[in-house]
Protein backbone atom coordinates (compact mmCIF):
# COMPACT_ATOMS: atom_id res chain seq x y z
CA UNK A 1 4.50 -8.45 8.25
CA UNK A 2 1.68 -7.55 10.64
CA UNK A 3 0.69 -11.22 10.88
CA UNK A 4 4.11 -11.83 12.44
CA UNK A 5 4.17 -8.88 14.87
CA UNK A 6 2.36 -10.74 17.62
CA UNK A 7 5.03 -13.44 17.47
CA UNK A 8 8.00 -11.10 17.94
CA UNK A 9 10.52 -12.08 20.57
CA UNK A 10 10.18 -8.89 22.60
CA UNK A 11 13.03 -9.84 24.91
CA UNK A 12 15.33 -10.22 21.89
CA UNK A 13 14.13 -6.89 20.51
CA UNK A 14 14.83 -5.22 23.84
CA UNK A 15 18.32 -6.72 23.98
CA UNK A 16 19.09 -5.40 20.49
CA UNK A 17 17.89 -1.95 21.51
CA UNK A 18 20.35 -2.02 24.43
CA UNK A 19 23.29 -2.75 22.13
CA UNK A 20 26.02 -0.22 21.34
CA UNK A 21 25.27 -0.58 17.62
CA UNK A 22 21.71 0.69 18.08
CA UNK A 23 23.03 3.67 20.06
CA UNK A 24 25.58 4.43 17.33
CA UNK A 25 22.79 4.35 14.72
CA UNK A 26 20.83 6.93 16.74
CA UNK A 27 23.89 9.19 17.12
CA UNK A 28 24.66 8.99 13.38
CA UNK A 29 21.04 9.85 12.56
CA UNK A 30 21.20 12.94 14.77
CA UNK A 31 24.48 14.04 13.17
CA UNK A 32 23.25 13.56 9.61
CA UNK A 33 20.35 15.93 10.34
CA UNK A 34 22.92 18.61 11.21
CA UNK A 35 24.46 17.93 7.80
CA UNK A 36 21.02 18.27 6.23
CA UNK A 37 20.60 21.63 7.99
CA UNK A 38 24.01 22.76 6.69
CA UNK A 39 23.01 21.81 3.15
CA UNK A 40 19.77 23.79 3.49
CA UNK A 41 21.62 26.89 4.69
CA UNK A 42 24.06 26.61 1.76
CA UNK A 43 21.09 26.29 -0.59
CA UNK A 44 19.42 29.36 0.89
CA UNK A 45 22.66 31.35 0.59
CA UNK A 46 22.71 30.64 -3.15
CA UNK A 47 19.31 32.35 -3.28
CA UNK A 48 20.65 35.38 -1.40
CA UNK A 49 18.76 34.35 1.72
CA UNK A 50 21.26 34.62 4.55
CA UNK A 51 20.28 33.17 7.92
CA UNK A 52 22.18 31.93 10.94
CA UNK A 53 23.15 28.27 11.01
CA UNK A 54 21.66 28.02 14.49
CA UNK A 55 18.26 29.14 13.17
CA UNK A 56 18.42 26.59 10.36
CA UNK A 57 19.35 23.87 12.87
CA UNK A 58 16.38 24.82 15.02
CA UNK A 59 14.00 24.78 12.05
CA UNK A 60 15.30 21.42 10.81
CA UNK A 61 15.01 19.60 14.12
CA UNK A 62 11.69 21.19 15.05
CA UNK A 63 10.37 19.96 11.70
CA UNK A 64 11.66 16.47 12.52
CA UNK A 65 9.94 16.54 15.90
CA UNK A 66 6.59 17.61 14.44
CA UNK A 67 6.93 14.86 11.83
CA UNK A 68 7.06 12.10 14.42
CA UNK A 69 3.92 13.30 16.21
CA UNK A 70 1.94 13.89 13.02
CA UNK A 71 2.09 12.83 9.38
CA UNK A 72 5.46 13.10 7.67
CA UNK A 73 4.37 16.08 5.56
CA UNK A 74 4.50 18.29 8.67
CA UNK A 75 8.26 18.61 8.33
CA UNK A 76 8.09 20.43 5.00
CA UNK A 77 5.57 22.91 6.39
CA UNK A 78 6.91 23.42 9.91
CA UNK A 79 10.56 24.09 9.15
CA UNK A 80 10.01 26.88 6.56
CA UNK A 81 7.30 28.35 8.81
CA UNK A 82 9.65 28.47 11.79
CA UNK A 83 12.58 29.84 9.78
CA UNK A 84 10.42 32.52 8.17
CA UNK A 85 9.31 33.68 11.61
CA UNK A 86 12.80 33.94 13.11
CA UNK A 87 14.50 35.32 9.98
CA UNK A 88 11.68 37.56 8.71
CA UNK A 89 12.07 36.04 5.24
CA UNK A 90 8.80 35.40 3.32
CA UNK A 91 7.43 31.94 4.03
CA UNK A 92 6.86 31.05 0.37
CA UNK A 93 10.46 31.90 -0.59
CA UNK A 94 11.73 29.45 2.02
CA UNK A 95 9.05 26.92 1.11
CA UNK A 96 10.35 27.00 -2.46
CA UNK A 97 13.82 26.04 -1.25
CA UNK A 98 12.37 22.88 0.33
CA UNK A 99 11.34 21.69 -3.13
CA UNK A 100 14.92 22.13 -4.32
CA UNK A 101 16.03 19.98 -1.39
CA UNK A 102 13.54 17.37 -2.53
CA UNK A 103 14.88 17.64 -6.07
CA UNK A 104 18.45 16.76 -5.07
CA UNK A 105 17.23 14.02 -2.72
CA UNK A 106 15.03 12.74 -5.53
CA UNK A 107 17.91 12.49 -8.00
CA UNK A 108 19.89 10.38 -5.54
CA UNK A 109 17.02 8.24 -4.24
CA UNK A 110 15.54 7.53 -7.68
CA UNK A 111 18.98 6.45 -8.93
CA UNK A 112 19.49 4.16 -5.92
CA UNK A 113 16.05 2.57 -6.30
CA UNK A 114 16.60 1.86 -10.00
CA UNK A 115 20.06 0.35 -9.33
CA UNK A 116 18.68 -1.80 -6.51
CA UNK A 117 15.74 -2.97 -8.63
CA UNK A 118 18.21 -4.05 -11.31
CA UNK A 119 20.73 -5.72 -8.99
CA UNK A 120 18.11 -7.59 -7.00
CA UNK A 121 16.04 -8.48 -10.07
CA UNK A 122 12.99 -6.89 -8.50
CA UNK A 123 11.31 -5.29 -11.51
CA UNK A 124 8.33 -7.67 -11.22
CA UNK A 125 8.08 -7.35 -7.44
CA UNK A 126 4.89 -5.40 -6.46
CA UNK A 127 6.75 -3.66 -3.62
CA UNK A 128 9.47 -2.45 -6.01
CA UNK A 129 6.90 -1.38 -8.59
CA UNK A 130 5.03 0.67 -5.97
CA UNK A 131 8.28 2.27 -4.81
CA UNK A 132 9.26 3.22 -8.37
CA UNK A 133 5.75 4.59 -9.00
CA UNK A 134 5.99 6.77 -5.89
CA UNK A 135 9.46 7.91 -6.98
CA UNK A 136 8.15 8.93 -10.39
CA UNK A 137 5.12 10.69 -8.90
CA UNK A 138 6.94 12.77 -6.31
CA UNK A 139 9.96 13.42 -8.50
CA UNK A 140 7.63 14.70 -11.24
CA UNK A 141 5.92 17.06 -8.78
CA UNK A 142 9.33 18.30 -7.64
CA UNK A 143 10.55 18.88 -11.19
CA UNK A 144 7.39 20.84 -12.03
CA UNK A 145 7.80 23.00 -8.92
CA UNK A 146 11.51 23.70 -9.51
CA UNK A 147 11.05 24.57 -13.19
CA UNK A 148 8.13 26.98 -12.79
CA UNK A 149 10.60 29.84 -13.10
CA UNK A 150 10.93 28.93 -16.78
CA UNK A 151 7.32 27.97 -17.51
CA UNK A 152 5.34 30.48 -15.43
CA UNK A 153 5.95 33.49 -17.72
CA UNK A 154 4.63 31.39 -20.60
CA UNK A 155 1.55 30.49 -18.54
CA UNK A 156 0.98 34.17 -17.78
CA UNK A 157 1.24 34.99 -21.46
CA UNK A 158 -1.37 32.37 -22.30
CA UNK A 159 -3.63 33.70 -19.54
CA UNK A 160 -3.93 37.01 -21.39
CA UNK A 161 -6.29 35.19 -23.73
CA UNK A 162 -8.59 34.22 -20.88
CA UNK A 163 -9.79 36.99 -18.58
CA UNK A 164 -10.91 34.76 -15.69
CA UNK A 165 -7.67 32.78 -15.73
CA UNK A 166 -5.67 36.01 -15.79
CA UNK A 167 -7.67 37.36 -12.85
CA UNK A 168 -7.02 34.15 -10.90
CA UNK A 169 -3.28 34.17 -11.66
CA UNK A 170 -2.97 37.83 -10.69
CA UNK A 171 -4.45 36.99 -7.30
CA UNK A 172 -2.25 33.93 -7.02
CA UNK A 173 0.87 35.88 -7.98
CA UNK A 174 1.29 37.29 -4.46
CA UNK A 175 2.00 33.77 -3.28
CA UNK A 176 3.42 32.23 -6.43
CA UNK A 177 6.04 34.90 -7.14
CA UNK A 178 8.13 34.34 -3.97
CA UNK A 179 7.57 30.56 -4.19
CA UNK A 180 8.74 30.40 -7.81
CA UNK A 181 11.76 32.54 -6.95
CA UNK A 182 12.63 30.24 -4.05
CA UNK A 183 12.07 27.03 -6.00
CA UNK A 184 13.82 28.11 -9.20
CA UNK A 185 16.59 25.56 -9.69
CA UNK A 186 17.92 27.41 -12.72
CA UNK A 187 19.29 30.15 -10.48
CA UNK A 188 22.10 27.89 -9.29
CA UNK A 189 25.55 27.87 -10.83
CA UNK A 190 27.07 24.56 -11.89
CA UNK A 191 29.51 24.78 -8.98
CA UNK A 192 26.69 25.30 -6.47
CA UNK A 193 24.71 22.41 -7.95
CA UNK A 194 27.74 20.12 -7.65
CA UNK A 195 28.29 21.12 -4.02
CA UNK A 196 24.61 20.52 -3.22
CA UNK A 197 24.73 17.09 -4.89
CA UNK A 198 27.90 16.16 -2.98
CA UNK A 199 26.28 17.24 0.31
CA UNK A 200 23.23 15.16 -0.64
CA UNK A 201 25.38 12.09 -1.30
CA UNK A 202 27.23 12.61 2.00
CA UNK A 203 23.89 12.85 3.83
CA UNK A 204 22.55 9.61 2.37
CA UNK A 205 25.88 7.83 2.90
CA UNK A 206 25.65 8.67 6.60
CA UNK A 207 22.11 7.31 6.60
CA UNK A 208 23.46 4.12 5.02
CA UNK A 209 26.02 3.79 7.83
CA UNK A 210 23.19 4.08 10.38
CA UNK A 211 21.27 1.40 8.45
CA UNK A 212 24.35 -0.82 8.42
CA UNK A 213 24.66 -0.79 12.21
CA UNK A 214 21.01 -1.84 12.44
CA UNK A 215 21.54 -4.69 9.98
CA UNK A 216 24.72 -5.71 11.79
CA UNK A 217 23.12 -5.92 15.22
CA UNK A 218 20.16 -7.97 13.96
CA UNK A 219 21.56 -9.98 11.02
CA UNK A 220 25.28 -10.31 11.80
CA UNK A 221 25.15 -14.08 11.37
CA UNK A 222 23.73 -13.79 7.84
CA UNK A 223 24.80 -12.47 4.44
CA UNK A 224 22.28 -9.61 4.64
CA UNK A 225 24.36 -7.38 6.95
CA UNK A 226 26.38 -5.59 4.26
CA UNK A 227 26.94 -1.91 3.59
CA UNK A 228 25.66 -2.28 0.02
CA UNK A 229 22.33 -3.59 1.31
CA UNK A 230 22.20 -0.74 3.82
CA UNK A 231 22.91 1.70 0.98
CA UNK A 232 20.16 0.42 -1.29
CA UNK A 233 17.73 0.25 1.62
CA UNK A 234 17.96 4.07 1.73
CA UNK A 235 15.90 4.45 -1.41
CA UNK A 236 13.01 2.25 -0.31
CA UNK A 237 13.05 3.65 3.21
CA UNK A 238 12.99 7.30 2.10
CA UNK A 239 10.23 6.77 -0.47
CA UNK A 240 8.09 5.12 2.21
CA UNK A 241 8.13 8.32 4.29
CA UNK A 242 6.34 10.21 1.49
CA UNK A 243 3.35 7.87 1.67
CA UNK A 244 0.56 8.98 4.07
CA UNK A 245 0.86 6.90 7.21
CA UNK A 246 0.45 6.96 10.95
CA UNK A 247 2.44 9.37 13.09
CA UNK A 248 6.11 9.40 12.22
CA UNK A 249 5.67 7.05 9.29
CA UNK A 250 4.77 4.12 11.55
CA UNK A 251 3.70 1.31 9.28
CA UNK A 252 5.08 2.38 5.91
CA UNK A 253 8.65 2.61 7.19
CA UNK A 254 8.49 -0.77 8.89
CA UNK A 255 6.99 -2.40 5.83
CA UNK A 256 9.62 -0.83 3.55
CA UNK A 257 12.48 -2.27 5.61
CA UNK A 258 10.84 -5.66 5.91
CA UNK A 259 9.93 -5.95 2.22
CA UNK A 260 13.39 -4.86 1.10
CA UNK A 261 15.01 -7.62 3.15
CA UNK A 262 12.50 -10.06 1.68
CA UNK A 263 13.51 -8.87 -1.79
CA UNK A 264 17.18 -9.62 -1.05
CA UNK A 265 16.29 -13.07 0.26
CA UNK A 266 14.21 -13.86 -2.83
CA UNK A 267 17.02 -12.76 -5.14
CA UNK A 268 19.52 -14.97 -3.31
CA UNK A 269 16.97 -17.83 -3.33
CA UNK A 270 17.43 -18.21 0.42
CA UNK A 271 14.92 -20.11 2.52
CA UNK A 272 12.69 -17.71 4.45
CA UNK A 273 11.55 -19.52 7.60
CA UNK A 274 9.89 -18.10 10.70
CA UNK A 275 13.24 -17.32 12.32
CA UNK A 276 14.32 -15.32 9.28
CA UNK A 277 11.01 -13.45 9.22
CA UNK A 278 11.47 -12.56 12.88
CA UNK A 279 14.96 -11.23 12.18
CA UNK A 280 13.62 -9.14 9.31
CA UNK A 281 10.83 -7.72 11.46
CA UNK A 282 13.22 -6.84 14.27
CA UNK A 283 15.63 -5.21 11.78
CA UNK A 284 12.79 -3.18 10.23
CA UNK A 285 11.51 -2.18 13.68
CA UNK A 286 14.96 -1.09 14.87
CA UNK A 287 15.47 0.88 11.66
CA UNK A 288 12.26 2.75 12.39
CA UNK A 289 13.03 3.20 16.10
CA UNK A 290 16.56 4.52 15.49
CA UNK A 291 15.10 7.33 13.39
CA UNK A 292 12.22 7.84 15.78
CA UNK A 293 14.47 8.13 18.84
CA UNK A 294 16.91 10.45 17.04
CA UNK A 295 14.12 12.80 15.96
CA UNK A 296 12.41 12.59 19.35
CA UNK A 297 15.58 13.31 21.36
CA UNK A 298 17.12 16.08 19.24
CA UNK A 299 13.87 17.36 17.75
CA UNK A 300 12.11 17.39 21.11
CA UNK A 301 15.00 19.33 22.66
CA UNK A 302 14.86 22.02 19.97
CA UNK A 303 11.06 22.15 19.94
CA UNK A 304 10.57 22.67 23.68
CA UNK A 305 13.49 25.08 23.89
CA UNK A 306 12.93 27.28 20.83
CA UNK A 307 9.40 26.87 19.37
CA UNK A 308 7.89 29.27 21.88
CA UNK A 309 10.11 32.18 20.87
CA UNK A 310 8.30 32.68 17.56
CA UNK A 311 5.15 33.47 19.54
CA UNK A 312 6.85 35.82 22.02
């Protein structure tokens, strides 16, 4: 991909950025983050942590803003930190809830990636294999974190046989106890779990609509601009943001979009010439920029307006 960047038609890219479809994609991305904030507040309420929706909105968008000016991991640290400061709820309890968010996202994303790998016959594609590996890795970490409520008592019981381990765990317990309580997925009722999964699906469907407008504005004269492709792109795009990268995911996100479109082209046995490569690069770049602009506009507004109040 980077070999082609210097050959991009920058005038064409600029014209696509000025289109109404690109603007719609940005607006949808901003709105879906409000939905994400609503889901997080619902999740916290199931843990008997009651906070104002406005505070959750602030924390969510401030986290998004800090993500685009640093590595993507900043979001999962910044938003519980901010919310703990304004709500006076222990940081580690809120941090635990972020792992539950990841769990529900992981269920959806992992499913989408596996379906896409099957439909597009991409099991032997190195890009698909890397994506599945990252899915397995991060989903495993999430499952471990969200099931500690069941396994930690057993670990403590074993530690009684080892004095040094018991001493270490007793020190760690001040942090681990609120985290385990916040990340304990077994505390949810079936009804709450269903609602959280439905909110997760709604969130990713909105993201797919944003992706579709990007595909439409760049690939409208091809067979690639379909909602199904936009839907499956979600999985590869979201996994790419968990990989260490430059600020705001620059690099990994672009490559994920570009390689996914290449995967579709290979499956359809289409000819990939320089014009097609340019279209793919522009689509991948616009996909990245739509998220970047949404987080910068909304996240920047919340950051500069509200971040200072936690230090007042």
